[in-house]
Amino acid sequence: MNTWTKINNEFIVLDNKSGNPTNLKHSIIPKEKLTFKYWDYLAWAVATLDNPYILSIGHGAGTFLKILEKWGIECTGVGIEIDKGYMDFNTEKDKFIIRYCNFKDFVKESTDKFDLIIVDVYDEKGYVSEAYDEQFFSLYLKLLRPNGRIVFHCVEFSGTLLATETEIKKVPSIFITMIMLIKSMTLKDIFVIPMWSSYLLWVGNLGEKIDSCYNEVRWLDLFFKNRIIPIIREVHNIPQIERPWTYTKIQDYEKSIIDNLFLEDPDVYYRLTEIIEIMGPLLNNKDKSLDYSTAEYSLKTLENKEHSIEHELSFIYALNKNWEKAMEHVSKYKLKNIFNY
């Protein structure tokens, strides 16, 4: 049985028992230069480096490559995808080769060295845990060229907390577990770049400013640059979240955080849930009749001295293709580092 189905330009993950479509998208065929989803920060990560040789683990239909093509950027490297059903949607080129195999076999056997390794491996249940564990992180490090980087796409409520500058409580999370693992195995710098419901964990030196003639790319570059949060402090005495990292476990973590916020700090709880309620429909992008001005007004009522809504406003203007306003708002503010263990 297929693990996904293509609906319009989206590759929808199927439930492994019923075979019915879920709410999860594995890949899309982008129609424009931005998707306003996590594939944008994968493309951005590549574009900030100087002609990197890439290893893409969990390649799918190669969404981030297709975005980069729309930016006029060519890539070299190898994409690893276990599902041969994506063959019809991956245009293989001389400089970028797709290998249809289990990533574990490739990583164990490869003698290639890469400037950037992208890890984005999920199935219908959640994270493919091995791709994010100690054994394979050690192997990724061995596949890096000097000054090479690794970026992990992570889906978890910690991304929302970071994006909304809501303090992350000292409870087990994938975010904390990954940071503890990385710090135990390398002295490379670690950064987190939150989108909204997901985040990019960047291991290694950051890239440079993207030189582009496109408004979309210039805005995206500044948007993510102003969301980079360095992870400097050590993390101690916090239990790690046990594997497997299923979507059910992620939802339970989200519920526990929201329930605790409601009890401990109702004002923060109210602000967080209001932002989620405002931004959710915009991020899902299903309702084409959304009133952006109403969303803008609602966000402005939530601004205070401790918390800015400049990035949320910038995102709304970008969705509406008002690039002047989008740049104006994102240039005013950098996300605070609320990671305070």
C-alpha atoms as a PDB file:
ATOM      1  CA  MET A   1       0.000   0.000   0.000  1.00  0.00           C
ATOM      2  CA  ASN A   2       1.270   3.487  -0.838  1.00  0.00           C
ATOM      3  CA  THR A   3       2.336   5.664   2.106  1.00  0.00           C
ATOM      4  CA  TRP A   4       1.072   8.860   0.448  1.00  0.00           C
ATOM      5  CA  THR A   5      -1.277  10.207  -2.175  1.00  0.00           C
ATOM      6  CA  LYS A   6      -0.921  13.297  -4.378  1.00  0.00           C
ATOM      7  CA  ILE A   7      -3.785  15.773  -4.074  1.00  0.00           C
ATOM      8  CA  ASN A   8      -3.344  18.790  -6.352  1.00  0.00           C
ATOM      9  CA  ASN A   9       0.262  19.837  -5.712  1.00  0.00           C
ATOM     10  CA  GLU A  10       0.560  18.235  -2.261  1.00  0.00           C
ATOM     11  CA  PHE A  11       1.840  14.801  -1.208  1.00  0.00           C
ATOM     12  CA  ILE A  12      -0.414  13.755   1.682  1.00  0.00           C
ATOM     13  CA  VAL A  13       0.651  11.026   4.110  1.00  0.00           C
ATOM     14  CA  LEU A  14      -1.833   8.146   4.386  1.00  0.00           C
ATOM     15  CA  ASP A  15      -2.890   6.451   7.600  1.00  0.00           C
ATOM     16  CA  ASN A  16      -1.075   3.102   7.699  1.00  0.00           C
ATOM     17  CA  LYS A  17      -4.178   1.250   8.929  1.00  0.00           C
ATOM     18  CA  SER A  18      -7.110   2.791   7.072  1.00  0.00           C
ATOM     19  CA  GLY A  19      -5.235   4.081   4.036  1.00  0.00           C
ATOM     20  CA  ASN A  20      -7.089   7.387   4.369  1.00  0.00           C
ATOM     21  CA  PRO A  21      -5.354  10.771   3.921  1.00  0.00           C
ATOM     22  CA  THR A  22      -4.073  12.415   7.119  1.00  0.00           C
ATOM     23  CA  ASN A  23      -3.360  16.103   7.754  1.00  0.00           C
ATOM     24  CA  LEU A  24       0.363  15.555   7.169  1.00  0.00           C
ATOM     25  CA  LYS A  25       2.175  16.760   4.053  1.00  0.00           C
ATOM     26  CA  HIS A  26       5.399  14.986   3.098  1.00  0.00           C
ATOM     27  CA  SER A  27       6.235  17.185   0.109  1.00  0.00           C
ATOM     28  CA  ILE A  28       4.644  19.674  -2.256  1.00  0.00           C
ATOM     29  CA  ILE A  29       5.244  20.899  -5.777  1.00  0.00           C
ATOM     30  CA  PRO A  30       5.725  24.624  -5.113  1.00  0.00           C
ATOM     31  CA  LYS A  31       3.940  27.026  -7.440  1.00  0.00           C
ATOM     32  CA  GLU A  32       5.645  30.173  -6.162  1.00  0.00           C
ATOM     33  CA  LYS A  33       9.001  31.172  -4.698  1.00  0.00           C
ATOM     34  CA  LEU A  34       7.813  30.686  -1.119  1.00  0.00           C
ATOM     35  CA  THR A  35       5.625  28.026   0.467  1.00  0.00           C
ATOM     36  CA  PHE A  36       5.475  29.712   3.911  1.00  0.00           C
ATOM     37  CA  LYS A  37       6.148  26.242   5.308  1.00  0.00           C
ATOM     38  CA  TYR A  38       9.258  24.548   6.657  1.00  0.00           C
ATOM     39  CA  TRP A  39      10.584  23.750   3.161  1.00  0.00           C
ATOM     40  CA  ASP A  40      11.464  27.442   2.903  1.00  0.00           C
ATOM     41  CA  TYR A  41      14.004  27.243   5.715  1.00  0.00           C
ATOM     42  CA  LEU A  42      15.558  24.127   4.187  1.00  0.00           C
ATOM     43  CA  ALA A  43      16.019  26.048   0.933  1.00  0.00           C
ATOM     44  CA  TRP A  44      17.251  29.063   2.897  1.00  0.00           C
ATOM     45  CA  ALA A  45      19.859  26.959   4.710  1.00  0.00           C
ATOM     46  CA  VAL A  46      21.305  25.831   1.369  1.00  0.00           C
ATOM     47  CA  ALA A  47      21.179  29.314  -0.171  1.00  0.00           C
ATOM     48  CA  THR A  48      23.187  30.885   2.680  1.00  0.00           C
ATOM     49  CA  LEU A  49      26.182  28.671   1.863  1.00  0.00           C
ATOM     50  CA  ASP A  50      28.583  29.032  -1.049  1.00  0.00           C
ATOM     51  CA  ASN A  51      27.798  26.232  -3.533  1.00  0.00           C
ATOM     52  CA  PRO A  52      27.553  23.487  -0.896  1.00  0.00           C
ATOM     53  CA  TYR A  53      27.667  19.781  -1.622  1.00  0.00           C
ATOM     54  CA  ILE A  54      24.491  18.527   0.083  1.00  0.00           C
ATOM     55  CA  LEU A  55      23.220  15.291   1.565  1.00  0.00           C
ATOM     56  CA  SER A  56      19.415  15.414   1.856  1.00  0.00           C
ATOM     57  CA  ILE A  57      18.052  12.618   4.091  1.00  0.00           C
ATOM     58  CA  GLY A  58      14.298  12.172   3.748  1.00  0.00           C
ATOM     59  CA  HIS A  59      14.252  13.844   0.344  1.00  0.00           C
ATOM     60  CA  GLY A  60      10.655  13.082  -0.675  1.00  0.00           C
ATOM     61  CA  ALA A  61       9.744  14.932  -3.859  1.00  0.00           C
ATOM     62  CA  GLY A  62      12.622  17.386  -3.369  1.00  0.00           C
ATOM     63  CA  THR A  63      10.495  20.385  -2.417  1.00  0.00           C
ATOM     64  CA  PHE A  64      13.394  22.519  -1.204  1.00  0.00           C
ATOM     65  CA  LEU A  65      15.296  21.901  -4.466  1.00  0.00           C
ATOM     66  CA  LYS A  66      12.282  23.028  -6.475  1.00  0.00           C
ATOM     67  CA  ILE A  67      12.092  26.190  -4.366  1.00  0.00           C
ATOM     68  CA  LEU A  68      15.776  26.882  -4.997  1.00  0.00           C
ATOM     69  CA  GLU A  69      15.223  26.466  -8.737  1.00  0.00           C
ATOM     70  CA  LYS A  70      12.631  29.243  -8.533  1.00  0.00           C
ATOM     71  CA  TRP A  71      15.272  31.368  -6.811  1.00  0.00           C
ATOM     72  CA  GLY A  72      17.715  30.683  -9.651  1.00  0.00           C
ATOM     73  CA  ILE A  73      20.011  28.570  -7.457  1.00  0.00           C
ATOM     74  CA  GLU A  74      21.416  25.222  -8.610  1.00  0.00           C
ATOM     75  CA  CYS A  75      22.495  22.552  -6.143  1.00  0.00           C
ATOM     76  CA  THR A  76      24.941  19.693  -6.087  1.00  0.00           C
ATOM     77  CA  GLY A  77      24.629  16.672  -3.862  1.00  0.00           C
ATOM     78  CA  VAL A  78      22.752  13.480  -3.074  1.00  0.00           C
ATOM     79  CA  GLY A  79      19.144  12.987  -1.996  1.00  0.00           C
ATOM     80  CA  ILE A  80      18.164   9.862  -0.037  1.00  0.00           C
ATOM     81  CA  GLU A  81      14.556   8.672  -0.292  1.00  0.00           C
ATOM     82  CA  ILE A  82      13.264   5.206   0.606  1.00  0.00           C
ATOM     83  CA  ASP A  83      10.018   5.503  -1.394  1.00  0.00           C
ATOM     84  CA  LYS A  84      10.531   4.854  -5.121  1.00  0.00           C
ATOM     85  CA  GLY A  85       7.070   6.265  -5.753  1.00  0.00           C
ATOM     86  CA  TYR A  86       8.690   9.715  -5.800  1.00  0.00           C
ATOM     87  CA  MET A  87      10.735   8.837  -8.892  1.00  0.00           C
ATOM     88  CA  ASP A  88       8.180  10.436 -11.208  1.00  0.00           C
ATOM     89  CA  PHE A  89       8.454  13.758  -9.346  1.00  0.00           C
ATOM     90  CA  ASN A  90      12.206  14.034  -8.820  1.00  0.00           C
ATOM     91  CA  THR A  91      14.030  15.412 -11.834  1.00  0.00           C
ATOM     92  CA  GLU A  92      17.494  13.954 -11.498  1.00  0.00           C
ATOM     93  CA  LYS A  93      20.307  16.114 -12.778  1.00  0.00           C
ATOM     94  CA  ASP A  94      23.997  15.544 -13.306  1.00  0.00           C
ATOM     95  CA  LYS A  95      24.867  17.590 -10.220  1.00  0.00           C
ATOM     96  CA  PHE A  96      22.193  16.238  -7.868  1.00  0.00           C
ATOM     97  CA  ILE A  97      21.602  12.493  -7.679  1.00  0.00           C
ATOM     98  CA  ILE A  98      18.672  10.754  -5.961  1.00  0.00           C
ATOM     99  CA  ARG A  99      19.346   7.394  -4.313  1.00  0.00           C
ATOM    100  CA  TYR A 100      16.262   5.302  -3.507  1.00  0.00           C
ATOM    101  CA  CYS A 101      17.410   3.339  -0.481  1.00  0.00           C
ATOM    102  CA  ASN A 102      17.275   3.184   3.296  1.00  0.00           C
ATOM    103  CA  PHE A 103      19.165   6.180   4.680  1.00  0.00           C
ATOM    104  CA  LYS A 104      20.803   3.969   7.315  1.00  0.00           C
ATOM    105  CA  ASP A 105      22.567   1.876   4.671  1.00  0.00           C
ATOM    106  CA  PHE A 106      23.770   4.927   2.754  1.00  0.00           C
ATOM    107  CA  VAL A 107      25.066   6.773   5.810  1.00  0.00           C
ATOM    108  CA  LYS A 108      26.931   3.694   7.075  1.00  0.00           C
ATOM    109  CA  GLU A 109      28.529   2.932   3.689  1.00  0.00           C
ATOM    110  CA  SER A 110      29.122   6.337   2.079  1.00  0.00           C
ATOM    111  CA  THR A 111      32.655   7.638   1.623  1.00  0.00           C
ATOM    112  CA  ASP A 112      31.468  11.021   0.322  1.00  0.00           C
ATOM    113  CA  LYS A 113      32.012  14.196   2.334  1.00  0.00           C
ATOM    114  CA  PHE A 114      29.389  16.939   2.464  1.00  0.00           C
ATOM    115  CA  ASP A 115      29.209  20.655   3.278  1.00  0.00           C
ATOM    116  CA  LEU A 116      25.619  20.379   4.484  1.00  0.00           C
ATOM    117  CA  ILE A 117      23.533  17.446   5.719  1.00  0.00           C
ATOM    118  CA  ILE A 118      19.768  17.986   5.918  1.00  0.00           C
ATOM    119  CA  VAL A 119      17.855  15.562   8.149  1.00  0.00           C
ATOM    120  CA  ASP A 120      14.082  15.515   7.561  1.00  0.00           C
ATOM    121  CA  VAL A 121      12.872  11.959   8.192  1.00  0.00           C
ATOM    122  CA  TYR A 122       9.282  11.269   9.238  1.00  0.00           C
ATOM    123  CA  ASP A 123       6.617   8.668   8.612  1.00  0.00           C
ATOM    124  CA  GLU A 124       2.891   8.494   9.352  1.00  0.00           C
ATOM    125  CA  LYS A 125       3.586   7.870  13.060  1.00  0.00           C
ATOM    126  CA  GLY A 126       6.115  10.636  13.686  1.00  0.00           C
ATOM    127  CA  TYR A 127       9.884  10.943  13.710  1.00  0.00           C
ATOM    128  CA  VAL A 128      11.919   8.094  12.280  1.00  0.00           C
ATOM    129  CA  SER A 129      13.847   8.032  15.537  1.00  0.00           C
ATOM    130  CA  GLU A 130      17.100   6.513  14.267  1.00  0.00           C
ATOM    131  CA  ALA A 131      17.686   9.530  12.021  1.00  0.00           C
ATOM    132  CA  TYR A 132      17.841  11.698  15.138  1.00  0.00           C
ATOM    133  CA  ASP A 133      19.728   9.398  17.510  1.00  0.00           C
ATOM    134  CA  GLU A 134      23.277   9.254  18.836  1.00  0.00           C
ATOM    135  CA  GLN A 135      24.521   6.528  16.484  1.00  0.00           C
ATOM    136  CA  PHE A 136      23.530   8.327  13.306  1.00  0.00           C
ATOM    137  CA  PHE A 137      24.480  11.798  14.520  1.00  0.00           C
ATOM    138  CA  SER A 138      27.969  10.364  15.033  1.00  0.00           C
ATOM    139  CA  LEU A 139      27.934   9.051  11.450  1.00  0.00           C
ATOM    140  CA  TYR A 140      26.701  12.415  10.095  1.00  0.00           C
ATOM    141  CA  LEU A 141      29.659  14.119  11.758  1.00  0.00           C
ATOM    142  CA  LYS A 142      32.035  11.719   9.991  1.00  0.00           C
ATOM    143  CA  LEU A 143      30.474  12.574   6.614  1.00  0.00           C
ATOM    144  CA  LEU A 144      31.115  16.309   6.968  1.00  0.00           C
ATOM    145  CA  ARG A 145      33.788  18.232   5.144  1.00  0.00           C
ATOM    146  CA  PRO A 146      35.835  20.690   7.237  1.00  0.00           C
ATOM    147  CA  ASN A 147      33.472  23.422   8.448  1.00  0.00           C
ATOM    148  CA  GLY A 148      30.481  21.300   7.415  1.00  0.00           C
ATOM    149  CA  ARG A 149      27.017  21.779   8.893  1.00  0.00           C
ATOM    150  CA  ILE A 150      24.073  19.580   9.871  1.00  0.00           C
ATOM    151  CA  VAL A 151      20.501  20.873   9.994  1.00  0.00           C
ATOM    152  CA  PHE A 152      17.620  18.970  11.573  1.00  0.00           C
ATOM    153  CA  HIS A 153      14.008  19.773  10.729  1.00  0.00           C
ATOM    154  CA  CYS A 154      12.106  19.253  13.995  1.00  0.00           C
ATOM    155  CA  VAL A 155       8.349  19.253  14.512  1.00  0.00           C
ATOM    156  CA  GLU A 156       7.280  20.013  18.070  1.00  0.00           C
ATOM    157  CA  PHE A 157       5.492  22.628  20.174  1.00  0.00           C
ATOM    158  CA  SER A 158       8.862  24.049  21.257  1.00  0.00           C
ATOM    159  CA  GLY A 159       8.921  25.763  17.843  1.00  0.00           C
ATOM    160  CA  THR A 160       5.723  27.658  18.678  1.00  0.00           C
ATOM    161  CA  LEU A 161       7.057  28.616  22.112  1.00  0.00           C
ATOM    162  CA  LEU A 162      10.304  29.942  20.628  1.00  0.00           C
ATOM    163  CA  ALA A 163       8.497  31.813  17.842  1.00  0.00           C
ATOM    164  CA  THR A 164       6.119  33.507  20.290  1.00  0.00           C
ATOM    165  CA  GLU A 165       8.841  34.178  22.885  1.00  0.00           C
ATOM    166  CA  THR A 166       7.060  32.027  25.455  1.00  0.00           C
ATOM    167  CA  GLU A 167       9.478  30.644  28.056  1.00  0.00           C
ATOM    168  CA  ILE A 168      10.156  26.941  27.599  1.00  0.00           C
ATOM    169  CA  LYS A 169       9.421  25.113  30.830  1.00  0.00           C
ATOM    170  CA  LYS A 170      11.826  22.598  32.321  1.00  0.00           C
ATOM    171  CA  VAL A 171      10.021  19.529  31.102  1.00  0.00           C
ATOM    172  CA  PRO A 172      11.165  16.729  28.774  1.00  0.00           C
ATOM    173  CA  SER A 173      10.978  17.719  25.105  1.00  0.00           C
ATOM    174  CA  ILE A 174      12.485  16.758  21.769  1.00  0.00           C
ATOM    175  CA  PHE A 175      14.123  20.190  21.693  1.00  0.00           C
ATOM    176  CA  ILE A 176      15.983  19.638  24.968  1.00  0.00           C
ATOM    177  CA  THR A 177      16.791  16.007  24.125  1.00  0.00           C
ATOM    178  CA  MET A 178      18.360  16.999  20.785  1.00  0.00           C
ATOM    179  CA  ILE A 179      20.419  19.796  22.316  1.00  0.00           C
ATOM    180  CA  MET A 180      21.752  17.479  25.040  1.00  0.00           C
ATOM    181  CA  LEU A 181      22.656  14.864  22.422  1.00  0.00           C
ATOM    182  CA  ILE A 182      24.421  17.360  20.124  1.00  0.00           C
ATOM    183  CA  LYS A 183      26.363  19.027  22.948  1.00  0.00           C
ATOM    184  CA  SER A 184      27.556  15.634  24.186  1.00  0.00           C
ATOM    185  CA  MET A 185      29.081  14.771  20.805  1.00  0.00           C
ATOM    186  CA  THR A 186      30.475  17.922  19.208  1.00  0.00           C
ATOM    187  CA  LEU A 187      31.880  21.350  20.049  1.00  0.00           C
ATOM    188  CA  LYS A 188      30.239  22.862  16.974  1.00  0.00           C
ATOM    189  CA  ASP A 189      27.960  25.850  17.512  1.00  0.00           C
ATOM    190  CA  ILE A 190      24.246  25.161  17.820  1.00  0.00           C
ATOM    191  CA  PHE A 191      21.456  27.482  16.710  1.00  0.00           C
ATOM    192  CA  VAL A 192      17.704  27.122  16.603  1.00  0.00           C
ATOM    193  CA  ILE A 193      15.613  28.900  13.952  1.00  0.00           C
ATOM    194  CA  PRO A 194      11.875  28.605  14.669  1.00  0.00           C
ATOM    195  CA  MET A 195       9.286  28.769  11.904  1.00  0.00           C
ATOM    196  CA  TRP A 196       5.983  28.482  13.769  1.00  0.00           C
ATOM    197  CA  SER A 197       5.027  24.923  14.641  1.00  0.00           C
ATOM    198  CA  SER A 198       8.473  23.603  13.698  1.00  0.00           C
ATOM    199  CA  TYR A 199      12.088  24.672  13.947  1.00  0.00           C
ATOM    200  CA  LEU A 200      15.475  24.135  12.361  1.00  0.00           C
ATOM    201  CA  LEU A 201      18.319  22.948  14.584  1.00  0.00           C
ATOM    202  CA  TRP A 202      21.519  24.164  12.947  1.00  0.00           C
ATOM    203  CA  VAL A 203      24.833  22.535  13.945  1.00  0.00           C
ATOM    204  CA  GLY A 204      27.948  24.410  12.795  1.00  0.00           C
ATOM    205  CA  ASN A 205      28.804  27.890  11.591  1.00  0.00           C
ATOM    206  CA  LEU A 206      26.018  30.022  10.158  1.00  0.00           C
ATOM    207  CA  GLY A 207      25.904  30.967   6.488  1.00  0.00           C
ATOM    208  CA  GLU A 208      26.033  34.367   4.814  1.00  0.00           C
ATOM    209  CA  LYS A 209      23.456  36.833   3.545  1.00  0.00           C
ATOM    210  CA  ILE A 210      21.668  35.686   0.390  1.00  0.00           C
ATOM    211  CA  ASP A 211      22.262  37.946  -2.605  1.00  0.00           C
ATOM    212  CA  SER A 212      18.994  37.854  -4.565  1.00  0.00           C
ATOM    213  CA  CYS A 213      16.991  40.087  -6.861  1.00  0.00           C
ATOM    214  CA  TYR A 214      13.702  38.612  -5.608  1.00  0.00           C
ATOM    215  CA  ASN A 215      11.694  40.381  -2.916  1.00  0.00           C
ATOM    216  CA  GLU A 216      10.509  37.036  -1.568  1.00  0.00           C
ATOM    217  CA  VAL A 217      14.047  35.755  -1.012  1.00  0.00           C
ATOM    218  CA  ARG A 218      15.330  39.023   0.478  1.00  0.00           C
ATOM    219  CA  TRP A 219      12.446  39.048   2.943  1.00  0.00           C
ATOM    220  CA  LEU A 220      12.865  35.364   3.843  1.00  0.00           C
ATOM    221  CA  ASP A 221      16.590  35.792   4.447  1.00  0.00           C
ATOM    222  CA  LEU A 222      16.042  38.696   6.857  1.00  0.00           C
ATOM    223  CA  PHE A 223      13.088  36.922   8.493  1.00  0.00           C
ATOM    224  CA  PHE A 224      15.156  33.849   9.370  1.00  0.00           C
ATOM    225  CA  LYS A 225      18.321  35.804  10.199  1.00  0.00           C
ATOM    226  CA  ASN A 226      16.318  37.739  12.796  1.00  0.00           C
ATOM    227  CA  ARG A 227      14.939  34.488  14.246  1.00  0.00           C
ATOM    228  CA  ILE A 228      18.291  32.798  14.853  1.00  0.00           C
ATOM    229  CA  ILE A 229      18.733  31.904  18.522  1.00  0.00           C
ATOM    230  CA  PRO A 230      22.167  30.665  19.693  1.00  0.00           C
ATOM    231  CA  ILE A 231      22.185  27.780  22.167  1.00  0.00           C
ATOM    232  CA  ILE A 232      25.044  28.681  24.487  1.00  0.00           C
ATOM    233  CA  ARG A 233      24.197  27.381  27.936  1.00  0.00           C
ATOM    234  CA  GLU A 234      24.606  23.824  29.072  1.00  0.00           C
ATOM    235  CA  VAL A 235      21.481  21.793  29.822  1.00  0.00           C
ATOM    236  CA  HIS A 236      21.525  19.745  33.020  1.00  0.00           C
ATOM    237  CA  ASN A 237      19.169  17.648  35.120  1.00  0.00           C
ATOM    238  CA  ILE A 238      16.283  17.646  32.667  1.00  0.00           C
ATOM    239  CA  PRO A 239      14.881  14.222  31.712  1.00  0.00           C
ATOM    240  CA  GLN A 240      15.100  13.389  28.032  1.00  0.00           C
ATOM    241  CA  ILE A 241      11.956  12.478  26.142  1.00  0.00           C
ATOM    242  CA  GLU A 242      11.874   8.779  25.385  1.00  0.00           C
ATOM    243  CA  ARG A 243      11.687   7.380  21.883  1.00  0.00           C
ATOM    244  CA  PRO A 244       9.770   6.703  19.709  1.00  0.00           C
ATOM    245  CA  TRP A 245       8.859  10.346  19.079  1.00  0.00           C
ATOM    246  CA  THR A 246       5.319   9.876  17.823  1.00  0.00           C
ATOM    247  CA  TYR A 247       2.853  12.576  16.855  1.00  0.00           C
ATOM    248  CA  THR A 248       0.734  11.420  19.803  1.00  0.00           C
ATOM    249  CA  LYS A 249       3.640  12.059  22.187  1.00  0.00           C
ATOM    250  CA  ILE A 250       4.202  15.488  20.612  1.00  0.00           C
ATOM    251  CA  GLN A 251       0.516  16.358  21.096  1.00  0.00           C
ATOM    252  CA  ASP A 252       0.654  15.209  24.722  1.00  0.00           C
ATOM    253  CA  TYR A 253       3.661  17.489  25.314  1.00  0.00           C
ATOM    254  CA  GLU A 254       1.795  20.421  23.773  1.00  0.00           C
ATOM    255  CA  LYS A 255      -1.252  19.794  25.956  1.00  0.00           C
ATOM    256  CA  SER A 256       0.829  19.552  29.140  1.00  0.00           C
ATOM    257  CA  ILE A 257       2.598  22.853  28.364  1.00  0.00           C
ATOM    258  CA  ILE A 258      -0.665  24.685  27.645  1.00  0.00           C
ATOM    259  CA  ASP A 259      -2.367  23.222  30.735  1.00  0.00           C
ATOM    260  CA  ASN A 260       0.577  24.261  32.946  1.00  0.00           C
ATOM    261  CA  LEU A 261       0.596  27.754  31.455  1.00  0.00           C
ATOM    262  CA  PHE A 262      -3.098  28.139  32.198  1.00  0.00           C
ATOM    263  CA  LEU A 263      -2.466  27.313  35.861  1.00  0.00           C
ATOM    264  CA  GLU A 264       0.842  29.164  36.336  1.00  0.00           C
ATOM    265  CA  ASP A 265       0.518  32.281  34.181  1.00  0.00           C
ATOM    266  CA  PRO A 266      -2.935  32.956  32.706  1.00  0.00           C
ATOM    267  CA  ASP A 267      -1.748  36.131  30.936  1.00  0.00           C
ATOM    268  CA  VAL A 268       0.949  34.266  29.029  1.00  0.00           C
ATOM    269  CA  TYR A 269      -1.511  31.447  28.333  1.00  0.00           C
ATOM    270  CA  TYR A 270      -4.016  33.919  26.886  1.00  0.00           C
ATOM    271  CA  ARG A 271      -1.445  35.627  24.677  1.00  0.00           C
ATOM    272  CA  LEU A 272      -0.065  32.329  23.359  1.00  0.00           C
ATOM    273  CA  THR A 273      -3.449  30.813  22.562  1.00  0.00           C
ATOM    274  CA  GLU A 274      -4.610  34.038  20.901  1.00  0.00           C
ATOM    275  CA  ILE A 275      -1.554  34.101  18.620  1.00  0.00           C
ATOM    276  CA  ILE A 276      -2.109  30.427  17.737  1.00  0.00           C
ATOM    277  CA  GLU A 277      -5.756  31.173  16.953  1.00  0.00           C
ATOM    278  CA  ILE A 278      -4.831  34.145  14.752  1.00  0.00           C
ATOM    279  CA  MET A 279      -1.864  32.594  12.941  1.00  0.00           C
ATOM    280  CA  GLY A 280      -3.278  29.064  12.559  1.00  0.00           C
ATOM    281  CA  PRO A 281      -5.643  29.756   9.635  1.00  0.00           C
ATOM    282  CA  LEU A 282      -2.958  31.852   7.920  1.00  0.00           C
ATOM    283  CA  LEU A 283      -0.391  29.066   8.239  1.00  0.00           C
ATOM    284  CA  ASN A 284      -2.809  26.402   7.038  1.00  0.00           C
ATOM    285  CA  ASN A 285      -3.514  28.659   4.072  1.00  0.00           C
ATOM    286  CA  LYS A 286      -6.728  26.843   3.208  1.00  0.00           C
ATOM    287  CA  ASP A 287      -9.123  29.770   3.372  1.00  0.00           C
ATOM    288  CA  LYS A 288      -8.281  32.101   0.490  1.00  0.00           C
ATOM    289  CA  SER A 289     -10.828  34.676   1.746  1.00  0.00           C
ATOM    290  CA  LEU A 290      -8.940  35.346   4.986  1.00  0.00           C
ATOM    291  CA  ASP A 291      -9.121  38.948   6.144  1.00  0.00           C
ATOM    292  CA  TYR A 292      -5.490  39.945   6.692  1.00  0.00           C
ATOM    293  CA  SER A 293      -6.465  43.328   8.137  1.00  0.00           C
ATOM    294  CA  THR A 294      -8.519  41.637  10.868  1.00  0.00           C
ATOM    295  CA  ALA A 295      -5.590  39.368  11.734  1.00  0.00           C
ATOM    296  CA  GLU A 296      -3.293  42.415  11.836  1.00  0.00           C
ATOM    297  CA  TYR A 297      -5.649  44.284  14.163  1.00  0.00           C
ATOM    298  CA  SER A 298      -6.021  41.265  16.465  1.00  0.00           C
ATOM    299  CA  LEU A 299      -2.248  40.847  16.729  1.00  0.00           C
ATOM    300  CA  LYS A 300      -1.673  44.512  17.608  1.00  0.00           C
ATOM    301  CA  THR A 301      -3.952  44.143  20.635  1.00  0.00           C
ATOM    302  CA  LEU A 302      -1.498  41.543  22.011  1.00  0.00           C
ATOM    303  CA  GLU A 303       1.681  43.630  21.800  1.00  0.00           C
ATOM    304  CA  ASN A 304       3.292  44.741  25.052  1.00  0.00           C
ATOM    305  CA  LYS A 305       6.697  45.793  26.383  1.00  0.00           C
ATOM    306  CA  GLU A 306       7.801  42.201  26.989  1.00  0.00           C
ATOM    307  CA  HIS A 307       6.626  40.728  23.702  1.00  0.00           C
ATOM    308  CA  SER A 308       6.790  42.041  20.153  1.00  0.00           C
ATOM    309  CA  ILE A 309       4.469  40.967  17.339  1.00  0.00           C
ATOM    310  CA  GLU A 310       6.673  42.431  14.572  1.00  0.00           C
ATOM    311  CA  HIS A 311       7.492  39.030  13.061  1.00  0.00           C
ATOM    312  CA  GLU A 312       3.852  37.946  13.046  1.00  0.00           C
ATOM    313  CA  LEU A 313       2.894  41.184  11.298  1.00  0.00           C
ATOM    314  CA  SER A 314       5.764  40.785   8.836  1.00  0.00           C
ATOM    315  CA  PHE A 315       4.605  37.258   8.028  1.00  0.00           C
ATOM    316  CA  ILE A 316       1.048  38.467   7.361  1.00  0.00           C
ATOM    317  CA  TYR A 317       2.304  41.198   5.010  1.00  0.00           C
ATOM    318  CA  ALA A 318       4.519  38.662   3.222  1.00  0.00           C
ATOM    319  CA  LEU A 319       1.548  36.320   2.742  1.00  0.00           C
ATOM    320  CA  ASN A 320      -0.257  39.305   1.227  1.00  0.00           C
ATOM    321  CA  LYS A 321       2.829  40.082  -0.938  1.00  0.00           C
ATOM    322  CA  ASN A 322       3.249  43.529   0.575  1.00  0.00           C
ATOM    323  CA  TRP A 323       7.031  43.235   0.625  1.00  0.00           C
ATOM    324  CA  GLU A 324       7.731  46.818   1.696  1.00  0.00           C
ATOM    325  CA  LYS A 325       5.651  46.417   4.867  1.00  0.00           C
ATOM    326  CA  ALA A 326       6.940  42.887   5.421  1.00  0.00           C
ATOM    327  CA  MET A 327      10.564  44.090   5.328  1.00  0.00           C
ATOM    328  CA  GLU A 328       9.770  47.109   7.484  1.00  0.00           C
ATOM    329  CA  HIS A 329       8.366  45.029  10.323  1.00  0.00           C
ATOM    330  CA  VAL A 330      10.874  42.171  10.305  1.00  0.00           C
ATOM    331  CA  SER A 331      13.831  44.587  10.226  1.00  0.00           C
ATOM    332  CA  LYS A 332      12.696  46.155  13.504  1.00  0.00           C
ATOM    333  CA  TYR A 333      13.133  43.156  15.732  1.00  0.00           C
ATOM    334  CA  LYS A 334      15.150  40.034  16.535  1.00  0.00           C
ATOM    335  CA  LEU A 335      13.608  37.186  18.501  1.00  0.00           C
ATOM    336  CA  LYS A 336      14.605  37.077  22.149  1.00  0.00           C
ATOM    337  CA  ASN A 337      16.466  34.094  23.500  1.00  0.00           C
ATOM    338  CA  ILE A 338      13.959  32.680  25.983  1.00  0.00           C
ATOM    339  CA  PHE A 339      15.986  29.493  26.352  1.00  0.00           C
ATOM    340  CA  ASN A 340      17.090  30.159  29.941  1.00  0.00           C
ATOM    341  CA  TYR A 341      18.068  26.867  31.558  1.00  0.00           C
END
